[in-house]
Amino acid sequence: MRSPLTHEPTWQKSTYSAEAANCLYVAADPTSDTLHLRESDTPDSILTTTQAPLHALIHTLKPLPPEGTL
């Protein structure tokens, strides 16, 4: 279930989104640790989460490079 937005979010385009590709936008709720995510093709569909689950998802999908390769 989607949480109602308590403010007008300031959307920021992901730096990993190419100019012509589908883009992911992120907005932080200034009154909590809530993050809102939406995709450019479906801007009315907003996923709401917090930093910990999003961090876990990102690191599951894109693991850090092996130690010593940075």
PDB file of N, CA and C in Angstrom:
ATOM      1  N   MET A   1       0.841  -1.181   0.000  1.00  0.00           N
ATOM      2  CA  MET A   1       0.000   0.000   0.000  1.00  0.00           C
ATOM      3  C   MET A   1       0.882   1.238   0.000  1.00  0.00           C
ATOM      4  N   ARG A   2       0.520   2.197  -0.789  1.00  0.00           N
ATOM      5  CA  ARG A   2       1.308   3.410  -0.916  1.00  0.00           C
ATOM      6  C   ARG A   2       0.942   4.410   0.163  1.00  0.00           C
ATOM      7  N   SER A   3       1.948   5.005   0.787  1.00  0.00           N
ATOM      8  CA  SER A   3       1.715   6.042   1.786  1.00  0.00           C
ATOM      9  C   SER A   3       1.349   7.339   1.087  1.00  0.00           C
ATOM     10  N   PRO A   4       0.408   8.092   1.666  1.00  0.00           N
ATOM     11  CA  PRO A   4       0.091   9.392   1.057  1.00  0.00           C
ATOM     12  C   PRO A   4       1.266  10.350   1.241  1.00  0.00           C
ATOM     13  N   LEU A   5       1.527  11.132   0.232  1.00  0.00           N
ATOM     14  CA  LEU A   5       2.608  12.111   0.328  1.00  0.00           C
ATOM     15  C   LEU A   5       2.120  13.274   1.176  1.00  0.00           C
ATOM     16  N   THR A   6       2.927  13.679   2.148  1.00  0.00           N
ATOM     17  CA  THR A   6       2.545  14.771   3.037  1.00  0.00           C
ATOM     18  C   THR A   6       3.072  16.118   2.542  1.00  0.00           C
ATOM     19  N   HIS A   7       3.778  16.104   1.438  1.00  0.00           N
ATOM     20  CA  HIS A   7       4.361  17.330   0.868  1.00  0.00           C
ATOM     21  C   HIS A   7       4.552  17.117  -0.627  1.00  0.00           C
ATOM     22  N   GLU A   8       4.837  18.159  -1.339  1.00  0.00           N
ATOM     23  CA  GLU A   8       5.161  18.037  -2.763  1.00  0.00           C
ATOM     24  C   GLU A   8       6.634  17.650  -2.862  1.00  0.00           C
ATOM     25  N   PRO A   9       6.927  16.437  -3.304  1.00  0.00           N
ATOM     26  CA  PRO A   9       8.326  15.994  -3.327  1.00  0.00           C
ATOM     27  C   PRO A   9       9.171  16.735  -4.355  1.00  0.00           C
ATOM     28  N   THR A  10      10.434  16.857  -4.041  1.00  0.00           N
ATOM     29  CA  THR A  10      11.419  17.387  -4.978  1.00  0.00           C
ATOM     30  C   THR A  10      12.123  16.182  -5.582  1.00  0.00           C
ATOM     31  N   TRP A  11      11.777  15.870  -6.819  1.00  0.00           N
ATOM     32  CA  TRP A  11      12.287  14.673  -7.479  1.00  0.00           C
ATOM     33  C   TRP A  11      13.668  14.934  -8.042  1.00  0.00           C
ATOM     34  N   GLN A  12      14.574  13.966  -7.857  1.00  0.00           N
ATOM     35  CA  GLN A  12      15.927  14.027  -8.407  1.00  0.00           C
ATOM     36  C   GLN A  12      16.137  12.807  -9.288  1.00  0.00           C
ATOM     37  N   LYS A  13      16.610  13.040 -10.489  1.00  0.00           N
ATOM     38  CA  LYS A  13      16.872  11.944 -11.424  1.00  0.00           C
ATOM     39  C   LYS A  13      18.120  11.184 -10.993  1.00  0.00           C
ATOM     40  N   SER A  14      18.039   9.872 -11.026  1.00  0.00           N
ATOM     41  CA  SER A  14      19.179   9.034 -10.687  1.00  0.00           C
ATOM     42  C   SER A  14      20.334   9.315 -11.633  1.00  0.00           C
ATOM     43  N   THR A  15      21.540   9.326 -11.106  1.00  0.00           N
ATOM     44  CA  THR A  15      22.715   9.557 -11.947  1.00  0.00           C
ATOM     45  C   THR A  15      23.014   8.357 -12.834  1.00  0.00           C
ATOM     46  N   TYR A  16      22.381   7.221 -12.555  1.00  0.00           N
ATOM     47  CA  TYR A  16      22.582   6.023 -13.370  1.00  0.00           C
ATOM     48  C   TYR A  16      21.596   5.936 -14.528  1.00  0.00           C
ATOM     49  N   SER A  17      20.678   6.897 -14.636  1.00  0.00           N
ATOM     50  CA  SER A  17      19.699   6.883 -15.723  1.00  0.00           C
ATOM     51  C   SER A  17      20.273   7.589 -16.943  1.00  0.00           C
ATOM     52  N   ALA A  18      20.257   6.921 -18.067  1.00  0.00           N
ATOM     53  CA  ALA A  18      20.728   7.529 -19.316  1.00  0.00           C
ATOM     54  C   ALA A  18      19.710   8.566 -19.783  1.00  0.00           C
ATOM     55  N   GLU A  19      20.130   9.482 -20.618  1.00  0.00           N
ATOM     56  CA  GLU A  19      19.247  10.550 -21.095  1.00  0.00           C
ATOM     57  C   GLU A  19      18.009  10.031 -21.813  1.00  0.00           C
ATOM     58  N   ALA A  20      18.165   9.044 -22.682  1.00  0.00           N
ATOM     59  CA  ALA A  20      17.040   8.579 -23.493  1.00  0.00           C
ATOM     60  C   ALA A  20      16.347   7.347 -22.897  1.00  0.00           C
ATOM     61  N   ALA A  21      16.902   6.794 -21.841  1.00  0.00           N
ATOM     62  CA  ALA A  21      16.351   5.563 -21.260  1.00  0.00           C
ATOM     63  C   ALA A  21      15.277   5.889 -20.231  1.00  0.00           C
ATOM     64  N   ASN A  22      14.627   4.838 -19.772  1.00  0.00           N
ATOM     65  CA  ASN A  22      13.690   5.003 -18.665  1.00  0.00           C
ATOM     66  C   ASN A  22      14.478   5.502 -17.464  1.00  0.00           C
ATOM     67  N   CYS A  23      13.911   6.469 -16.776  1.00  0.00           N
ATOM     68  CA  CYS A  23      14.639   7.106 -15.685  1.00  0.00           C
ATOM     69  C   CYS A  23      13.989   6.814 -14.341  1.00  0.00           C
ATOM     70  N   LEU A  24      14.817   6.658 -13.339  1.00  0.00           N
ATOM     71  CA  LEU A  24      14.362   6.496 -11.973  1.00  0.00           C
ATOM     72  C   LEU A  24      14.530   7.830 -11.262  1.00  0.00           C
ATOM     73  N   TYR A  25      13.488   8.241 -10.553  1.00  0.00           N
ATOM     74  CA  TYR A  25      13.528   9.477  -9.784  1.00  0.00           C
ATOM     75  C   TYR A  25      13.374   9.149  -8.306  1.00  0.00           C
ATOM     76  N   VAL A  26      14.085   9.900  -7.450  1.00  0.00           N
ATOM     77  CA  VAL A  26      14.064   9.696  -6.010  1.00  0.00           C
ATOM     78  C   VAL A  26      13.727  11.020  -5.345  1.00  0.00           C
ATOM     79  N   ALA A  27      12.914  10.958  -4.277  1.00  0.00           N
ATOM     80  CA  ALA A  27      12.609  12.145  -3.482  1.00  0.00           C
ATOM     81  C   ALA A  27      12.645  11.751  -2.009  1.00  0.00           C
ATOM     82  N   ALA A  28      13.296  12.564  -1.188  1.00  0.00           N
ATOM     83  CA  ALA A  28      13.366  12.319   0.251  1.00  0.00           C
ATOM     84  C   ALA A  28      12.297  13.156   0.945  1.00  0.00           C
ATOM     85  N   ASP A  29      11.654  12.561   1.933  1.00  0.00           N
ATOM     86  CA  ASP A  29      10.671  13.279   2.743  1.00  0.00           C
ATOM     87  C   ASP A  29      11.441  14.072   3.796  1.00  0.00           C
ATOM     88  N   PRO A  30      11.324  15.392   3.821  1.00  0.00           N
ATOM     89  CA  PRO A  30      12.109  16.196   4.758  1.00  0.00           C
ATOM     90  C   PRO A  30      11.678  16.032   6.216  1.00  0.00           C
ATOM     91  N   THR A  31      10.531  15.409   6.452  1.00  0.00           N
ATOM     92  CA  THR A  31      10.036  15.266   7.827  1.00  0.00           C
ATOM     93  C   THR A  31      10.278  13.880   8.414  1.00  0.00           C
ATOM     94  N   SER A  32      10.859  12.966   7.632  1.00  0.00           N
ATOM     95  CA  SER A  32      11.102  11.603   8.112  1.00  0.00           C
ATOM     96  C   SER A  32      12.244  10.984   7.328  1.00  0.00           C
ATOM     97  N   ASP A  33      12.480   9.690   7.539  1.00  0.00           N
ATOM     98  CA  ASP A  33      13.531   8.999   6.779  1.00  0.00           C
ATOM     99  C   ASP A  33      12.956   8.289   5.559  1.00  0.00           C
ATOM    100  N   THR A  34      11.749   8.676   5.159  1.00  0.00           N
ATOM    101  CA  THR A  34      11.053   8.049   4.035  1.00  0.00           C
ATOM    102  C   THR A  34      11.626   8.526   2.701  1.00  0.00           C
ATOM    103  N   LEU A  35      11.762   7.586   1.780  1.00  0.00           N
ATOM    104  CA  LEU A  35      12.192   7.880   0.409  1.00  0.00           C
ATOM    105  C   LEU A  35      11.080   7.467  -0.540  1.00  0.00           C
ATOM    106  N   HIS A  36      10.872   8.249  -1.583  1.00  0.00           N
ATOM    107  CA  HIS A  36       9.878   7.943  -2.602  1.00  0.00           C
ATOM    108  C   HIS A  36      10.609   7.706  -3.919  1.00  0.00           C
ATOM    109  N   LEU A  37      10.198   6.671  -4.638  1.00  0.00           N
ATOM    110  CA  LEU A  37      10.809   6.321  -5.918  1.00  0.00           C
ATOM    111  C   LEU A  37       9.725   6.235  -6.973  1.00  0.00           C
ATOM    112  N   ARG A  38      10.034   6.710  -8.172  1.00  0.00           N
ATOM    113  CA  ARG A  38       9.101   6.566  -9.288  1.00  0.00           C
ATOM    114  C   ARG A  38       9.906   6.397 -10.571  1.00  0.00           C
ATOM    115  N   GLU A  39       9.256   5.824 -11.560  1.00  0.00           N
ATOM    116  CA  GLU A  39       9.875   5.573 -12.857  1.00  0.00           C
ATOM    117  C   GLU A  39       9.251   6.543 -13.851  1.00  0.00           C
ATOM    118  N   SER A  40      10.029   7.035 -14.790  1.00  0.00           N
ATOM    119  CA  SER A  40       9.553   8.080 -15.696  1.00  0.00           C
ATOM    120  C   SER A  40       8.347   7.664 -16.532  1.00  0.00           C
ATOM    121  N   ASP A  41       8.238   6.372 -16.873  1.00  0.00           N
ATOM    122  CA  ASP A  41       7.101   5.921 -17.680  1.00  0.00           C
ATOM    123  C   ASP A  41       5.800   5.863 -16.890  1.00  0.00           C
ATOM    124  N   THR A  42       5.890   5.738 -15.569  1.00  0.00           N
ATOM    125  CA  THR A  42       4.692   5.657 -14.714  1.00  0.00           C
ATOM    126  C   THR A  42       4.850   6.591 -13.514  1.00  0.00           C
ATOM    127  N   PRO A  43       4.839   7.904 -13.734  1.00  0.00           N
ATOM    128  CA  PRO A  43       5.117   8.850 -12.651  1.00  0.00           C
ATOM    129  C   PRO A  43       4.059   8.869 -11.545  1.00  0.00           C
ATOM    130  N   ASP A  44       2.873   8.339 -11.799  1.00  0.00           N
ATOM    131  CA  ASP A  44       1.845   8.317 -10.760  1.00  0.00           C
ATOM    132  C   ASP A  44       1.990   7.121  -9.826  1.00  0.00           C
ATOM    133  N   SER A  45       2.831   6.170 -10.182  1.00  0.00           N
ATOM    134  CA  SER A  45       3.089   5.012  -9.325  1.00  0.00           C
ATOM    135  C   SER A  45       4.338   5.306  -8.503  1.00  0.00           C
ATOM    136  N   ILE A  46       4.162   5.459  -7.208  1.00  0.00           N
ATOM    137  CA  ILE A  46       5.264   5.849  -6.328  1.00  0.00           C
ATOM    138  C   ILE A  46       5.489   4.752  -5.287  1.00  0.00           C
ATOM    139  N   LEU A  47       6.727   4.290  -5.203  1.00  0.00           N
ATOM    140  CA  LEU A  47       7.132   3.312  -4.203  1.00  0.00           C
ATOM    141  C   LEU A  47       7.702   4.079  -3.019  1.00  0.00           C
ATOM    142  N   THR A  48       7.258   3.728  -1.819  1.00  0.00           N
ATOM    143  CA  THR A  48       7.740   4.388  -0.614  1.00  0.00           C
ATOM    144  C   THR A  48       8.519   3.390   0.229  1.00  0.00           C
ATOM    145  N   THR A  49       9.697   3.807   0.693  1.00  0.00           N
ATOM    146  CA  THR A  49      10.559   2.940   1.492  1.00  0.00           C
ATOM    147  C   THR A  49      11.385   3.809   2.435  1.00  0.00           C
ATOM    148  N   THR A  50      12.326   3.191   3.125  1.00  0.00           N
ATOM    149  CA  THR A  50      13.287   3.913   3.956  1.00  0.00           C
ATOM    150  C   THR A  50      14.692   3.531   3.489  1.00  0.00           C
ATOM    151  N   GLN A  51      15.693   4.167   4.070  1.00  0.00           N
ATOM    152  CA  GLN A  51      17.062   3.963   3.594  1.00  0.00           C
ATOM    153  C   GLN A  51      17.561   2.526   3.748  1.00  0.00           C
ATOM    154  N   ALA A  52      17.302   1.891   4.877  1.00  0.00           N
ATOM    155  CA  ALA A  52      17.861   0.548   5.121  1.00  0.00           C
ATOM    156  C   ALA A  52      17.403  -0.481   4.086  1.00  0.00           C
ATOM    157  N   PRO A  53      16.093  -0.614   3.808  1.00  0.00           N
ATOM    158  CA  PRO A  53      15.690  -1.593   2.793  1.00  0.00           C
ATOM    159  C   PRO A  53      16.185  -1.237   1.389  1.00  0.00           C
ATOM    160  N   LEU A  54      16.214   0.047   1.051  1.00  0.00           N
ATOM    161  CA  LEU A  54      16.703   0.449  -0.265  1.00  0.00           C
ATOM    162  C   LEU A  54      18.201   0.153  -0.389  1.00  0.00           C
ATOM    163  N   HIS A  55      18.944   0.431   0.655  1.00  0.00           N
ATOM    164  CA  HIS A  55      20.381   0.137   0.678  1.00  0.00           C
ATOM    165  C   HIS A  55      20.613  -1.359   0.478  1.00  0.00           C
ATOM    166  N   ALA A  56      19.856  -2.183   1.186  1.00  0.00           N
ATOM    167  CA  ALA A  56      19.995  -3.642   1.057  1.00  0.00           C
ATOM    168  C   ALA A  56      19.667  -4.103  -0.364  1.00  0.00           C
ATOM    169  N   LEU A  57      18.617  -3.549  -0.953  1.00  0.00           N
ATOM    170  CA  LEU A  57      18.244  -3.910  -2.318  1.00  0.00           C
ATOM    171  C   LEU A  57      19.345  -3.544  -3.307  1.00  0.00           C
ATOM    172  N   ILE A  58      19.848  -2.329  -3.206  1.00  0.00           N
ATOM    173  CA  ILE A  58      20.894  -1.871  -4.137  1.00  0.00           C
ATOM    174  C   ILE A  58      22.140  -2.739  -4.014  1.00  0.00           C
ATOM    175  N   HIS A  59      22.538  -3.058  -2.792  1.00  0.00           N
ATOM    176  CA  HIS A  59      23.753  -3.858  -2.611  1.00  0.00           C
ATOM    177  C   HIS A  59      23.538  -5.328  -2.952  1.00  0.00           C
ATOM    178  N   THR A  60      22.306  -5.780  -2.967  1.00  0.00           N
ATOM    179  CA  THR A  60      22.014  -7.139  -3.428  1.00  0.00           C
ATOM    180  C   THR A  60      22.081  -7.193  -4.951  1.00  0.00           C
ATOM    181  N   LEU A  61      21.544  -6.153  -5.595  1.00  0.00           N
ATOM    182  CA  LEU A  61      21.521  -6.117  -7.052  1.00  0.00           C
ATOM    183  C   LEU A  61      22.877  -5.735  -7.646  1.00  0.00           C
ATOM    184  N   LYS A  62      23.619  -4.898  -6.946  1.00  0.00           N
ATOM    185  CA  LYS A  62      24.910  -4.423  -7.442  1.00  0.00           C
ATOM    186  C   LYS A  62      25.924  -4.493  -6.305  1.00  0.00           C
ATOM    187  N   PRO A  63      26.522  -5.657  -6.112  1.00  0.00           N
ATOM    188  CA  PRO A  63      27.485  -5.814  -5.008  1.00  0.00           C
ATOM    189  C   PRO A  63      28.703  -4.913  -5.193  1.00  0.00           C
ATOM    190  N   LEU A  64      29.346  -4.625  -4.084  1.00  0.00           N
ATOM    191  CA  LEU A  64      30.573  -3.836  -4.129  1.00  0.00           C
ATOM    192  C   LEU A  64      31.661  -4.619  -4.863  1.00  0.00           C
ATOM    193  N   PRO A  65      32.594  -3.906  -5.518  1.00  0.00           N
ATOM    194  CA  PRO A  65      33.696  -4.607  -6.186  1.00  0.00           C
ATOM    195  C   PRO A  65      34.579  -5.302  -5.143  1.00  0.00           C
ATOM    196  N   PRO A  66      35.316  -6.321  -5.548  1.00  0.00           N
ATOM    197  CA  PRO A  66      36.206  -7.032  -4.618  1.00  0.00           C
ATOM    198  C   PRO A  66      37.167  -6.072  -3.938  1.00  0.00           C
ATOM    199  N   GLU A  67      37.514  -6.373  -2.708  1.00  0.00           N
ATOM    200  CA  GLU A  67      38.404  -5.530  -1.930  1.00  0.00           C
ATOM    201  C   GLU A  67      39.740  -5.355  -2.661  1.00  0.00           C
ATOM    202  N   GLY A  68      40.252  -4.124  -2.662  1.00  0.00           N
ATOM    203  CA  GLY A  68      41.520  -3.837  -3.295  1.00  0.00           C
ATOM    204  C   GLY A  68      41.420  -3.444  -4.766  1.00  0.00           C
ATOM    205  N   THR A  69      40.193  -3.396  -5.320  1.00  0.00           N
ATOM    206  CA  THR A  69      40.057  -3.033  -6.731  1.00  0.00           C
ATOM    207  C   THR A  69      39.557  -1.614  -6.944  1.00  0.00           C
ATOM    208  N   LEU A  70      39.332  -0.876  -5.872  1.00  0.00           N
ATOM    209  CA  LEU A  70      38.866   0.514  -6.029  1.00  0.00           C
ATOM    210  C   LEU A  70      39.965   1.457  -6.323  1.00  0.00           C
TER     211      LEU A  70
END
